[in-house]
PDB file of all heavy atoms in Angstrom:
ATOM      1  N   GLU A   1      98.945 107.109 112.993  1.00  0.00           N
ATOM      2  CA  GLU A   1      99.996 108.128 112.960  1.00  0.00           C
ATOM      3  C   GLU A   1      99.692 109.256 113.943  1.00  0.00           C
ATOM      4  O   GLU A   1     100.578 109.739 114.634  1.00  0.00           O
ATOM      5  CB  GLU A   1     100.149 108.699 111.543  1.00  0.00           C
ATOM      6  CG  GLU A   1     100.765 107.728 110.572  1.00  0.00           C
ATOM      7  CD  GLU A   1     102.202 107.397 110.918  1.00  0.00           C
ATOM      8  OE1 GLU A   1     103.001 108.326 111.114  1.00  0.00           O
ATOM      9  OE2 GLU A   1     102.523 106.193 110.999  1.00  0.00           O
ATOM     10  N   ARG A   2      98.426 109.680 113.985  1.00  0.00           N
ATOM     11  CA  ARG A   2      98.019 110.743 114.915  1.00  0.00           C
ATOM     12  C   ARG A   2      98.156 110.310 116.364  1.00  0.00           C
ATOM     13  O   ARG A   2      98.496 111.104 117.228  1.00  0.00           O
ATOM     14  CB  ARG A   2      96.571 111.146 114.668  1.00  0.00           C
ATOM     15  CG  ARG A   2      96.409 112.310 113.734  1.00  0.00           C
ATOM     16  CD  ARG A   2      94.982 112.716 113.733  1.00  0.00           C
ATOM     17  NE  ARG A   2      94.229 111.515 113.372  1.00  0.00           N
ATOM     18  CZ  ARG A   2      93.142 111.485 112.650  1.00  0.00           C
ATOM     19  NH1 ARG A   2      92.619 112.600 112.231  1.00  0.00           N
ATOM     20  NH2 ARG A   2      92.544 110.370 112.349  1.00  0.00           N
ATOM     21  N   ASN A   3      97.870 109.043 116.628  1.00  0.00           N
ATOM     22  CA  ASN A   3      97.922 108.527 117.997  1.00  0.00           C
ATOM     23  C   ASN A   3      99.337 108.126 118.404  1.00  0.00           C
ATOM     24  O   ASN A   3      99.528 107.572 119.478  1.00  0.00           O
ATOM     25  CB  ASN A   3      96.979 107.335 118.156  1.00  0.00           C
ATOM     26  CG  ASN A   3      95.541 107.737 118.005  1.00  0.00           C
ATOM     27  OD1 ASN A   3      95.168 108.892 118.241  1.00  0.00           O
ATOM     28  ND2 ASN A   3      94.707 106.805 117.588  1.00  0.00           N
ATOM     29  N   GLY A   4     100.282 108.387 117.590  1.00  0.00           N
ATOM     30  CA  GLY A   4     101.670 108.080 117.916  1.00  0.00           C
ATOM     31  C   GLY A   4     102.087 106.665 117.589  1.00  0.00           C
ATOM     32  O   GLY A   4     103.222 106.280 117.824  1.00  0.00           O
ATOM     33  N   GLY A   5     101.184 105.864 117.074  1.00  0.00           N
ATOM     34  CA  GLY A   5     101.529 104.503 116.658  1.00  0.00           C
ATOM     35  C   GLY A   5     101.984 103.627 117.805  1.00  0.00           C
ATOM     36  O   GLY A   5     102.884 102.814 117.640  1.00  0.00           O
ATOM     37  N   ASN A   6     101.368 103.755 118.968  1.00  0.00           N
ATOM     38  CA  ASN A   6     101.778 102.973 120.141  1.00  0.00           C
ATOM     39  C   ASN A   6     100.988 101.686 120.284  1.00  0.00           C
ATOM     40  O   ASN A   6     100.569 101.323 121.359  1.00  0.00           O
ATOM     41  CB  ASN A   6     101.605 103.811 121.415  1.00  0.00           C
ATOM     42  CG  ASN A   6     102.571 104.965 121.476  1.00  0.00           C
ATOM     43  OD1 ASN A   6     103.663 104.873 120.935  1.00  0.00           O
ATOM     44  ND2 ASN A   6     102.164 106.035 122.119  1.00  0.00           N
ATOM     45  N   ASP A   7     100.808 100.971 119.202  1.00  0.00           N
ATOM     46  CA  ASP A   7     100.121  99.679 119.314  1.00  0.00           C
ATOM     47  C   ASP A   7     101.120  98.536 119.182  1.00  0.00           C
ATOM     48  O   ASP A   7     102.292  98.737 118.945  1.00  0.00           O
ATOM     49  CB  ASP A   7      98.980  99.553 118.286  1.00  0.00           C
ATOM     50  CG  ASP A   7      99.448  99.716 116.853  1.00  0.00           C
ATOM     51  OD1 ASP A   7     100.655  99.954 116.647  1.00  0.00           O
ATOM     52  OD2 ASP A   7      98.612  99.617 115.947  1.00  0.00           O
ATOM     53  N   ALA A   8     100.622  97.332 119.326  1.00  0.00           N
ATOM     54  CA  ALA A   8     101.498  96.158 119.379  1.00  0.00           C
ATOM     55  C   ALA A   8     102.237  95.912 118.073  1.00  0.00           C
ATOM     56  O   ALA A   8     103.291  95.286 118.073  1.00  0.00           O
ATOM     57  CB  ALA A   8     100.670  94.922 119.738  1.00  0.00           C
ATOM     58  N   THR A   9     101.723  96.393 116.960  1.00  0.00           N
ATOM     59  CA  THR A   9     102.385  96.119 115.681  1.00  0.00           C
ATOM     60  C   THR A   9     103.712  96.851 115.569  1.00  0.00           C
ATOM     61  O   THR A   9     104.551  96.486 114.756  1.00  0.00           O
ATOM     62  CB  THR A   9     101.484  96.502 114.491  1.00  0.00           C
ATOM     63  OG1 THR A   9     101.159  97.888 114.582  1.00  0.00           O
ATOM     64  CG2 THR A   9     100.226  95.671 114.462  1.00  0.00           C
ATOM     65  N   ASP A  10     103.926  97.900 116.380  1.00  0.00           N
ATOM     66  CA  ASP A  10     105.192  98.629 116.336  1.00  0.00           C
ATOM     67  C   ASP A  10     106.354  97.774 116.824  1.00  0.00           C
ATOM     68  O   ASP A  10     107.489  97.998 116.440  1.00  0.00           O
ATOM     69  CB  ASP A  10     105.126  99.890 117.209  1.00  0.00           C
ATOM     70  CG  ASP A  10     104.187 100.935 116.618  1.00  0.00           C
ATOM     71  OD1 ASP A  10     103.874 100.831 115.416  1.00  0.00           O
ATOM     72  OD2 ASP A  10     103.788 101.843 117.354  1.00  0.00           O
ATOM     73  N   CYS A  11     106.073  96.808 117.666  1.00  0.00           N
ATOM     74  CA  CYS A  11     107.119  96.003 118.274  1.00  0.00           C
ATOM     75  C   CYS A  11     107.562  94.839 117.393  1.00  0.00           C
ATOM     76  O   CYS A  11     108.534  94.178 117.705  1.00  0.00           O
ATOM     77  CB  CYS A  11     106.629  95.456 119.622  1.00  0.00           C
ATOM     78  SG  CYS A  11     106.227  96.771 120.788  1.00  0.00           S
ATOM     79  N   GLU A  12     106.827  94.576 116.319  1.00  0.00           N
ATOM     80  CA  GLU A  12     107.172  93.447 115.463  1.00  0.00           C
ATOM     81  C   GLU A  12     108.453  93.738 114.700  1.00  0.00           C
ATOM     82  O   GLU A  12     108.652  94.807 114.166  1.00  0.00           O
ATOM     83  CB  GLU A  12     106.040  93.171 114.479  1.00  0.00           C
ATOM     84  CG  GLU A  12     104.780  92.679 115.161  1.00  0.00           C
ATOM     85  CD  GLU A  12     103.698  92.371 114.149  1.00  0.00           C
ATOM     86  OE1 GLU A  12     104.004  92.306 112.943  1.00  0.00           O
ATOM     87  OE2 GLU A  12     102.557  92.199 114.567  1.00  0.00           O
ATOM     88  N   VAL A  13     109.295  92.735 114.662  1.00  0.00           N
ATOM     89  CA  VAL A  13     110.546  92.864 113.922  1.00  0.00           C
ATOM     90  C   VAL A  13     110.508  91.859 112.787  1.00  0.00           C
ATOM     91  O   VAL A  13     110.212  90.695 112.995  1.00  0.00           O
ATOM     92  CB  VAL A  13     111.753  92.577 114.843  1.00  0.00           C
ATOM     93  CG1 VAL A  13     113.035  92.656 114.056  1.00  0.00           C
ATOM     94  CG2 VAL A  13     111.759  93.532 116.021  1.00  0.00           C
ATOM     95  N   GLY A  14     110.784  92.330 111.572  1.00  0.00           N
ATOM     96  CA  GLY A  14     110.742  91.426 110.428  1.00  0.00           C
ATOM     97  C   GLY A  14     111.874  91.740 109.485  1.00  0.00           C
ATOM     98  O   GLY A  14     112.601  92.713 109.649  1.00  0.00           O
ATOM     99  N   ALA A  15     112.047  90.901 108.506  1.00  0.00           N
ATOM    100  CA  ALA A  15     113.071  91.138 107.495  1.00  0.00           C
ATOM    101  C   ALA A  15     112.550  92.195 106.534  1.00  0.00           C
ATOM    102  O   ALA A  15     111.538  92.001 105.886  1.00  0.00           O
ATOM    103  CB  ALA A  15     113.376  89.849 106.755  1.00  0.00           C
ATOM    104  N   GLY A  16     113.201  93.313 106.476  1.00  0.00           N
ATOM    105  CA  GLY A  16     112.768  94.378 105.570  1.00  0.00           C
ATOM    106  C   GLY A  16     112.023  95.457 106.308  1.00  0.00           C
ATOM    107  O   GLY A  16     112.568  96.091 107.184  1.00  0.00           O
ATOM    108  N   THR A  17     110.763  95.622 105.981  1.00  0.00           N
ATOM    109  CA  THR A  17     109.984  96.700 106.574  1.00  0.00           C
ATOM    110  C   THR A  17     109.129  96.181 107.718  1.00  0.00           C
ATOM    111  O   THR A  17     108.774  95.019 107.773  1.00  0.00           O
ATOM    112  CB  THR A  17     109.060  97.334 105.523  1.00  0.00           C
ATOM    113  OG1 THR A  17     108.167  96.334 105.046  1.00  0.00           O
ATOM    114  CG2 THR A  17     109.851  97.911 104.371  1.00  0.00           C
ATOM    115  N   SER A  18     108.790  97.087 108.616  1.00  0.00           N
ATOM    116  CA  SER A  18     107.893  96.708 109.706  1.00  0.00           C
ATOM    117  C   SER A  18     106.470  96.623 109.169  1.00  0.00           C
ATOM    118  O   SER A  18     106.151  97.172 108.123  1.00  0.00           O
ATOM    119  CB  SER A  18     107.970  97.732 110.837  1.00  0.00           C
ATOM    120  OG  SER A  18     107.375  98.946 110.431  1.00  0.00           O
ATOM    121  N   LYS A  19     105.607  95.965 109.903  1.00  0.00           N
ATOM    122  CA  LYS A  19     104.217  95.829 109.490  1.00  0.00           C
ATOM    123  C   LYS A  19     103.561  97.203 109.384  1.00  0.00           C
ATOM    124  O   LYS A  19     102.739  97.440 108.521  1.00  0.00           O
ATOM    125  CB  LYS A  19     103.466  94.952 110.491  1.00  0.00           C
ATOM    126  CG  LYS A  19     102.052  94.654 110.084  1.00  0.00           C
ATOM    127  CD  LYS A  19     101.402  93.692 111.047  1.00  0.00           C
ATOM    128  CE  LYS A  19      99.997  93.368 110.611  1.00  0.00           C
ATOM    129  NZ  LYS A  19      99.352  92.429 111.500  1.00  0.00           N
ATOM    130  N   LYS A  20     103.965  98.104 110.240  1.00  0.00           N
ATOM    131  CA  LYS A  20     103.400  99.447 110.259  1.00  0.00           C
ATOM    132  C   LYS A  20     103.690 100.196 108.961  1.00  0.00           C
ATOM    133  O   LYS A  20     102.869 100.965 108.476  1.00  0.00           O
ATOM    134  CB  LYS A  20     103.974 100.219 111.445  1.00  0.00           C
ATOM    135  CG  LYS A  20     103.509 101.648 111.533  1.00  0.00           C
ATOM    136  CD  LYS A  20     104.166 102.326 112.709  1.00  0.00           C
ATOM    137  CE  LYS A  20     103.885 103.811 112.695  1.00  0.00           C
ATOM    138  NZ  LYS A  20     104.610 104.508 113.726  1.00  0.00           N
ATOM    139  N   ASN A  21     104.850  99.997 108.378  1.00  0.00           N
ATOM    140  CA  ASN A  21     105.252 100.750 107.200  1.00  0.00           C
ATOM    141  C   ASN A  21     104.891 100.082 105.875  1.00  0.00           C
ATOM    142  O   ASN A  21     105.023 100.696 104.838  1.00  0.00           O
ATOM    143  CB  ASN A  21     106.759 100.999 107.237  1.00  0.00           C
ATOM    144  CG  ASN A  21     107.138 101.896 108.389  1.00  0.00           C
ATOM    145  OD1 ASN A  21     106.352 102.742 108.807  1.00  0.00           O
ATOM    146  ND2 ASN A  21     108.327 101.700 108.924  1.00  0.00           N
ATOM    147  N   ARG A  22     104.459  98.829 105.902  1.00  0.00           N
ATOM    148  CA  ARG A  22     104.091  98.138 104.667  1.00  0.00           C
ATOM    149  C   ARG A  22     102.745  98.639 104.167  1.00  0.00           C
ATOM    150  O   ARG A  22     101.815  98.800 104.950  1.00  0.00           O
ATOM    151  CB  ARG A  22     103.988  96.634 104.907  1.00  0.00           C
ATOM    152  CG  ARG A  22     105.302  95.924 104.754  1.00  0.00           C
ATOM    153  CD  ARG A  22     105.120  94.447 104.853  1.00  0.00           C
ATOM    154  NE  ARG A  22     105.198  94.127 106.276  1.00  0.00           N
ATOM    155  CZ  ARG A  22     104.623  93.092 106.845  1.00  0.00           C
ATOM    156  NH1 ARG A  22     103.913  92.266 106.146  1.00  0.00           N
ATOM    157  NH2 ARG A  22     104.737  92.891 108.129  1.00  0.00           N
ATOM    158  N   PRO A  23     102.607  98.845 102.868  1.00  0.00           N
ATOM    159  CA  PRO A  23     101.293  99.242 102.342  1.00  0.00           C
ATOM    160  C   PRO A  23     100.324  98.052 102.423  1.00  0.00           C
ATOM    161  O   PRO A  23     100.713  96.912 102.190  1.00  0.00           O
ATOM    162  CB  PRO A  23     101.577  99.620 100.895  1.00  0.00           C
ATOM    163  CG  PRO A  23     102.842  98.896 100.545  1.00  0.00           C
ATOM    164  CD  PRO A  23     103.626  98.770 101.830  1.00  0.00           C
ATOM    165  N   THR A  24      99.087  98.341 102.757  1.00  0.00           N
ATOM    166  CA  THR A  24      98.078  97.299 102.826  1.00  0.00           C
ATOM    167  C   THR A  24      97.534  97.069 101.424  1.00  0.00           C
ATOM    168  O   THR A  24      97.284  98.016 100.690  1.00  0.00           O
ATOM    169  CB  THR A  24      96.934  97.727 103.762  1.00  0.00           C
ATOM    170  OG1 THR A  24      97.488  98.078 105.022  1.00  0.00           O
ATOM    171  CG2 THR A  24      95.935  96.621 103.947  1.00  0.00           C
ATOM    172  N   SER A  25      97.378  95.810 101.061  1.00  0.00           N
ATOM    173  CA  SER A  25      96.858  95.491  99.739  1.00  0.00           C
ATOM    174  C   SER A  25      95.936  94.285  99.843  1.00  0.00           C
ATOM    175  O   SER A  25      95.888  93.618 100.873  1.00  0.00           O
ATOM    176  CB  SER A  25      98.000  95.203  98.765  1.00  0.00           C
ATOM    177  OG  SER A  25      98.727  94.082  99.204  1.00  0.00           O
ATOM    178  N   ALA A  26      95.208  94.033  98.768  1.00  0.00           N
ATOM    179  CA  ALA A  26      94.299  92.886  98.746  1.00  0.00           C
ATOM    180  C   ALA A  26      94.494  92.118  97.448  1.00  0.00           C
ATOM    181  O   ALA A  26      94.618  92.706  96.377  1.00  0.00           O
ATOM    182  CB  ALA A  26      92.857  93.358  98.863  1.00  0.00           C
ATOM    183  N   ASN A  27      94.503  90.823  97.574  1.00  0.00           N
ATOM    184  CA  ASN A  27      94.569  89.927  96.427  1.00  0.00           C
ATOM    185  C   ASN A  27      93.277  90.080  95.613  1.00  0.00           C
ATOM    186  O   ASN A  27      92.199  90.279  96.182  1.00  0.00           O
ATOM    187  CB  ASN A  27      94.704  88.502  96.982  1.00  0.00           C
ATOM    188  CG  ASN A  27      94.791  87.460  95.918  1.00  0.00           C
ATOM    189  OD1 ASN A  27      93.955  87.410  95.023  1.00  0.00           O
ATOM    190  ND2 ASN A  27      95.781  86.598  96.050  1.00  0.00           N
ATOM    191  N   ALA A  28      93.359  89.977  94.308  1.00  0.00           N
ATOM    192  CA  ALA A  28      92.179  90.126  93.446  1.00  0.00           C
ATOM    193  C   ALA A  28      91.088  89.112  93.799  1.00  0.00           C
ATOM    194  O   ALA A  28      89.897  89.441  93.787  1.00  0.00           O
ATOM    195  CB  ALA A  28      92.575  89.982  91.983  1.00  0.00           C
ATOM    196  N   ASN A  29      91.499  87.899  94.136  1.00  0.00           N
ATOM    197  CA  ASN A  29      90.511  86.882  94.519  1.00  0.00           C
ATOM    198  C   ASN A  29      89.831  87.239  95.840  1.00  0.00           C
ATOM    199  O   ASN A  29      88.650  86.965  96.024  1.00  0.00           O
ATOM    200  CB  ASN A  29      91.152  85.505  94.614  1.00  0.00           C
ATOM    201  CG  ASN A  29      91.492  84.943  93.259  1.00  0.00           C
ATOM    202  OD1 ASN A  29      90.840  85.263  92.269  1.00  0.00           O
ATOM    203  ND2 ASN A  29      92.524  84.126  93.193  1.00  0.00           N
ATOM    204  N   ALA A  30      90.566  87.845  96.760  1.00  0.00           N
ATOM    205  CA  ALA A  30      89.984  88.261  98.029  1.00  0.00           C
ATOM    206  C   ALA A  30      88.955  89.369  97.812  1.00  0.00           C
ATOM    207  O   ALA A  30      87.905  89.389  98.466  1.00  0.00           O
ATOM    208  CB  ALA A  30      91.078  88.742  98.983  1.00  0.00           C
ATOM    209  N   VAL A  31      89.240  90.263  96.896  1.00  0.00           N
ATOM    210  CA  VAL A  31      88.289  91.340  96.593  1.00  0.00           C
ATOM    211  C   VAL A  31      87.035  90.758  95.947  1.00  0.00           C
ATOM    212  O   VAL A  31      85.916  91.140  96.301  1.00  0.00           O
ATOM    213  CB  VAL A  31      88.940  92.412  95.689  1.00  0.00           C
ATOM    214  CG1 VAL A  31      87.908  93.439  95.245  1.00  0.00           C
ATOM    215  CG2 VAL A  31      90.078  93.106  96.414  1.00  0.00           C
ATOM    216  N   LYS A  32      87.200  89.805  95.025  1.00  0.00           N
ATOM    217  CA  LYS A  32      86.040  89.166  94.400  1.00  0.00           C
ATOM    218  C   LYS A  32      85.192  88.439  95.434  1.00  0.00           C
ATOM    219  O   LYS A  32      83.962  88.493  95.403  1.00  0.00           O
ATOM    220  CB  LYS A  32      86.488  88.184  93.317  1.00  0.00           C
ATOM    221  CG  LYS A  32      86.960  88.837  92.058  1.00  0.00           C
ATOM    222  CD  LYS A  32      87.364  87.784  91.026  1.00  0.00           C
ATOM    223  CE  LYS A  32      87.905  88.424  89.778  1.00  0.00           C
ATOM    224  NZ  LYS A  32      88.333  87.418  88.790  1.00  0.00           N
ATOM    225  N   LEU A  33      85.846  87.747  96.345  1.00  0.00           N
ATOM    226  CA  LEU A  33      85.132  87.042  97.396  1.00  0.00           C
ATOM    227  C   LEU A  33      84.397  88.026  98.310  1.00  0.00           C
ATOM    228  O   LEU A  33      83.261  87.780  98.716  1.00  0.00           O
ATOM    229  CB  LEU A  33      86.097  86.182  98.214  1.00  0.00           C
ATOM    230  CG  LEU A  33      85.477  85.312  99.293  1.00  0.00           C
ATOM    231  CD1 LEU A  33      84.485  84.320  98.691  1.00  0.00           C
ATOM    232  CD2 LEU A  33      86.560  84.575 100.050  1.00  0.00           C
ATOM    233  N   SER A  34      85.033  89.150  98.610  1.00  0.00           N
ATOM    234  CA  SER A  34      84.384  90.185  99.423  1.00  0.00           C
ATOM    235  C   SER A  34      83.142  90.723  98.720  1.00  0.00           C
ATOM    236  O   SER A  34      82.117  90.965  99.364  1.00  0.00           O
ATOM    237  CB  SER A  34      85.355  91.327  99.709  1.00  0.00           C
ATOM    238  OG  SER A  34      86.446  90.876 100.470  1.00  0.00           O
ATOM    239  N   CYS A  35      83.222  90.909  97.403  1.00  0.00           N
ATOM    240  CA  CYS A  35      82.071  91.359  96.620  1.00  0.00           C
ATOM    241  C   CYS A  35      80.928  90.360  96.704  1.00  0.00           C
ATOM    242  O   CYS A  35      79.760  90.746  96.880  1.00  0.00           O
ATOM    243  CB  CYS A  35      82.460  91.582  95.160  1.00  0.00           C
ATOM    244  SG  CYS A  35      83.551  92.968  94.884  1.00  0.00           S
ATOM    245  N   GLU A  36      81.245  89.097  96.585  1.00  0.00           N
ATOM    246  CA  GLU A  36      80.213  88.062  96.648  1.00  0.00           C
ATOM    247  C   GLU A  36      79.590  87.993  98.045  1.00  0.00           C
ATOM    248  O   GLU A  36      78.371  87.868  98.180  1.00  0.00           O
ATOM    249  CB  GLU A  36      80.795  86.703  96.253  1.00  0.00           C
ATOM    250  CG  GLU A  36      79.800  85.574  96.259  1.00  0.00           C
ATOM    251  CD  GLU A  36      78.646  85.747  95.287  1.00  0.00           C
ATOM    252  OE1 GLU A  36      78.711  86.584  94.373  1.00  0.00           O
ATOM    253  OE2 GLU A  36      77.644  85.002  95.449  1.00  0.00           O
ATOM    254  N   LEU A  37      80.403  88.080  99.079  1.00  0.00           N
ATOM    255  CA  LEU A  37      79.881  88.071 100.447  1.00  0.00           C
ATOM    256  C   LEU A  37      78.964  89.263 100.685  1.00  0.00           C
ATOM    257  O   LEU A  37      77.883  89.123 101.277  1.00  0.00           O
ATOM    258  CB  LEU A  37      81.030  88.073 101.456  1.00  0.00           C
ATOM    259  CG  LEU A  37      80.620  88.061 102.926  1.00  0.00           C
ATOM    260  CD1 LEU A  37      79.877  86.778 103.270  1.00  0.00           C
ATOM    261  CD2 LEU A  37      81.823  88.226 103.812  1.00  0.00           C
ATOM    262  N   LEU A  38      79.364  90.420 100.211  1.00  0.00           N
ATOM    263  CA  LEU A  38      78.545  91.618 100.357  1.00  0.00           C
ATOM    264  C   LEU A  38      77.229  91.472  99.597  1.00  0.00           C
ATOM    265  O   LEU A  38      76.159  91.854 100.092  1.00  0.00           O
ATOM    266  CB  LEU A  38      79.324  92.836  99.859  1.00  0.00           C
ATOM    267  CG  LEU A  38      78.702  94.191 100.084  1.00  0.00           C
ATOM    268  CD1 LEU A  38      78.429  94.443 101.569  1.00  0.00           C
ATOM    269  CD2 LEU A  38      79.608  95.280  99.539  1.00  0.00           C
ATOM    270  N   ARG A  39      77.282  90.892  98.396  1.00  0.00           N
ATOM    271  CA  ARG A  39      76.061  90.674  97.610  1.00  0.00           C
ATOM    272  C   ARG A  39      75.090  89.748  98.339  1.00  0.00           C
ATOM    273  O   ARG A  39      73.896  90.033  98.455  1.00  0.00           O
ATOM    274  CB  ARG A  39      76.404  90.074  96.240  1.00  0.00           C
ATOM    275  CG  ARG A  39      75.176  89.916  95.326  1.00  0.00           C
ATOM    276  CD  ARG A  39      75.469  89.046  94.127  1.00  0.00           C
ATOM    277  NE  ARG A  39      75.752  87.659  94.475  1.00  0.00           N
ATOM    278  CZ  ARG A  39      74.823  86.752  94.792  1.00  0.00           C
ATOM    279  NH1 ARG A  39      73.548  87.074  94.827  1.00  0.00           N
ATOM    280  NH2 ARG A  39      75.169  85.522  95.098  1.00  0.00           N
ATOM    281  N   VAL A  40      75.612  88.657  98.880  1.00  0.00           N
ATOM    282  CA  VAL A  40      74.770  87.697  99.601  1.00  0.00           C
ATOM    283  C   VAL A  40      74.185  88.352 100.860  1.00  0.00           C
ATOM    284  O   VAL A  40      72.999  88.190 101.164  1.00  0.00           O
ATOM    285  CB  VAL A  40      75.566  86.426  99.953  1.00  0.00           C
ATOM    286  CG1 VAL A  40      74.801  85.531 100.901  1.00  0.00           C
ATOM    287  CG2 VAL A  40      75.935  85.675  98.684  1.00  0.00           C
ATOM    288  N   PHE A  41      74.998  89.125 101.563  1.00  0.00           N
ATOM    289  CA  PHE A  41      74.548  89.800 102.780  1.00  0.00           C
ATOM    290  C   PHE A  41      73.408  90.770 102.475  1.00  0.00           C
ATOM    291  O   PHE A  41      72.368  90.766 103.151  1.00  0.00           O
ATOM    292  CB  PHE A  41      75.732  90.531 103.428  1.00  0.00           C
ATOM    293  CG  PHE A  41      75.390  91.219 104.716  1.00  0.00           C
ATOM    294  CD1 PHE A  41      75.390  90.515 105.904  1.00  0.00           C
ATOM    295  CD2 PHE A  41      75.079  92.557 104.734  1.00  0.00           C
ATOM    296  CE1 PHE A  41      75.077  91.141 107.104  1.00  0.00           C
ATOM    297  CE2 PHE A  41      74.763  93.197 105.920  1.00  0.00           C
ATOM    298  CZ  PHE A  41      74.764  92.488 107.109  1.00  0.00           C
ATOM    299  N   VAL A  42      73.580  91.602 101.452  1.00  0.00           N
ATOM    300  CA  VAL A  42      72.558  92.591 101.100  1.00  0.00           C
ATOM    301  C   VAL A  42      71.288  91.901 100.606  1.00  0.00           C
ATOM    302  O   VAL A  42      70.173  92.290 100.975  1.00  0.00           O
ATOM    303  CB  VAL A  42      73.104  93.581 100.043  1.00  0.00           C
ATOM    304  CG1 VAL A  42      71.998  94.456  99.480  1.00  0.00           C
ATOM    305  CG2 VAL A  42      74.197  94.447 100.658  1.00  0.00           C
ATOM    306  N   THR A  43      71.440  90.866  99.787  1.00  0.00           N
ATOM    307  CA  THR A  43      70.275  90.127  99.287  1.00  0.00           C
ATOM    308  C   THR A  43      69.486  89.520 100.437  1.00  0.00           C
ATOM    309  O   THR A  43      68.254  89.622 100.481  1.00  0.00           O
ATOM    310  CB  THR A  43      70.723  89.016  98.315  1.00  0.00           C
ATOM    311  OG1 THR A  43      71.433  89.615  97.235  1.00  0.00           O
ATOM    312  CG2 THR A  43      69.545  88.231  97.780  1.00  0.00           C
ATOM    313  N   GLU A  44      70.183  88.919 101.370  1.00  0.00           N
ATOM    314  CA  GLU A  44      69.514  88.308 102.523  1.00  0.00           C
ATOM    315  C   GLU A  44      68.819  89.367 103.379  1.00  0.00           C
ATOM    316  O   GLU A  44      67.696  89.157 103.851  1.00  0.00           O
ATOM    317  CB  GLU A  44      70.532  87.518 103.361  1.00  0.00           C
ATOM    318  CG  GLU A  44      69.926  86.740 104.499  1.00  0.00           C
ATOM    319  CD  GLU A  44      69.031  85.591 104.059  1.00  0.00           C
ATOM    320  OE1 GLU A  44      69.183  85.098 102.923  1.00  0.00           O
ATOM    321  OE2 GLU A  44      68.173  85.184 104.869  1.00  0.00           O
TER     322      GLU A  44
END
């Protein structure tokens, strides 16, 4: 927003909202997998 949003995602056209305006979210399984990856990384 500070940089004026002049990146390639501004040019995308989709049904409904643009990618820029959609809230970012994560699937519960993706978060669990991220936790496991982080655990393995730190343990190693």
